[in-house]
């Protein structure tokens, strides 16, 4: 799940069952980005090294949890993973001593991220794996083919911009928009959160959950804390009911 800062990614994570959830908090700010769900009582760790991240990814930190959350992958890449890449000696670089990656480092960073995600997914086959990221616009360069569109996806450098989403069954973009509760009352305006769940041109999103090539989830799923729409339990129930109906008919 990716979106702009403040769109509600961590707030959505807070809709997961607290006793079943373990979070690796890698964002910045109070509680490493978990201030918005501090009242939920969800167990979390704040990894400070690649070794600690890999331990979480192997399922060793929260072995009894049914849901593992890595929040936020973009920040993790810019801090913990970047620092680990810069610790590998490379001669002839004038920028690395200031904490700025060299061109060679970006490939290393990408492979480190890839390894963490692969281990996280493969080592926990019976768990729900949730990863959040910030949003990035990949704009065409002057050398790209005519008609090339901008692409929106998770804020990850290089190949991981498209490689990371390819590893997951669901890739959702979380957005916000102003909506009127009462069309005739301008004062009834509020900010509505919603997920884009299906693939469309210029956007990295997908949902593998479908029946007879028809997606179970709507193209837009509203996320509303008050009603519970779009929450973790709500989306899981929709998927279970969708598959359950077909199985019962068979």
Foldseek 3Di string as FASTA:
>chain_A
DEEAPPLQPLVLVLLPQQVQEEEAQQADDVVSPNPNNPVSNHHYDDDDELVVLLCVLLCNVPVRHQEYEYPALLSCLLHHLLVVLLVDDDPDDPCSVVSDDDPVSLVSSLVSSVVSLVSNCVNNVRHHYYYYAYKDWAQDDPPDDPPDHIAMAGPGDDPCRQVVLVVDQWDKYKDKDWDAPDPVDPVRIDIWIKIQAPDDPRYPTHHNQDDPPHHLDDRIWTCDPVVRTPHPVNVVVSSCVVVVVVVVVD
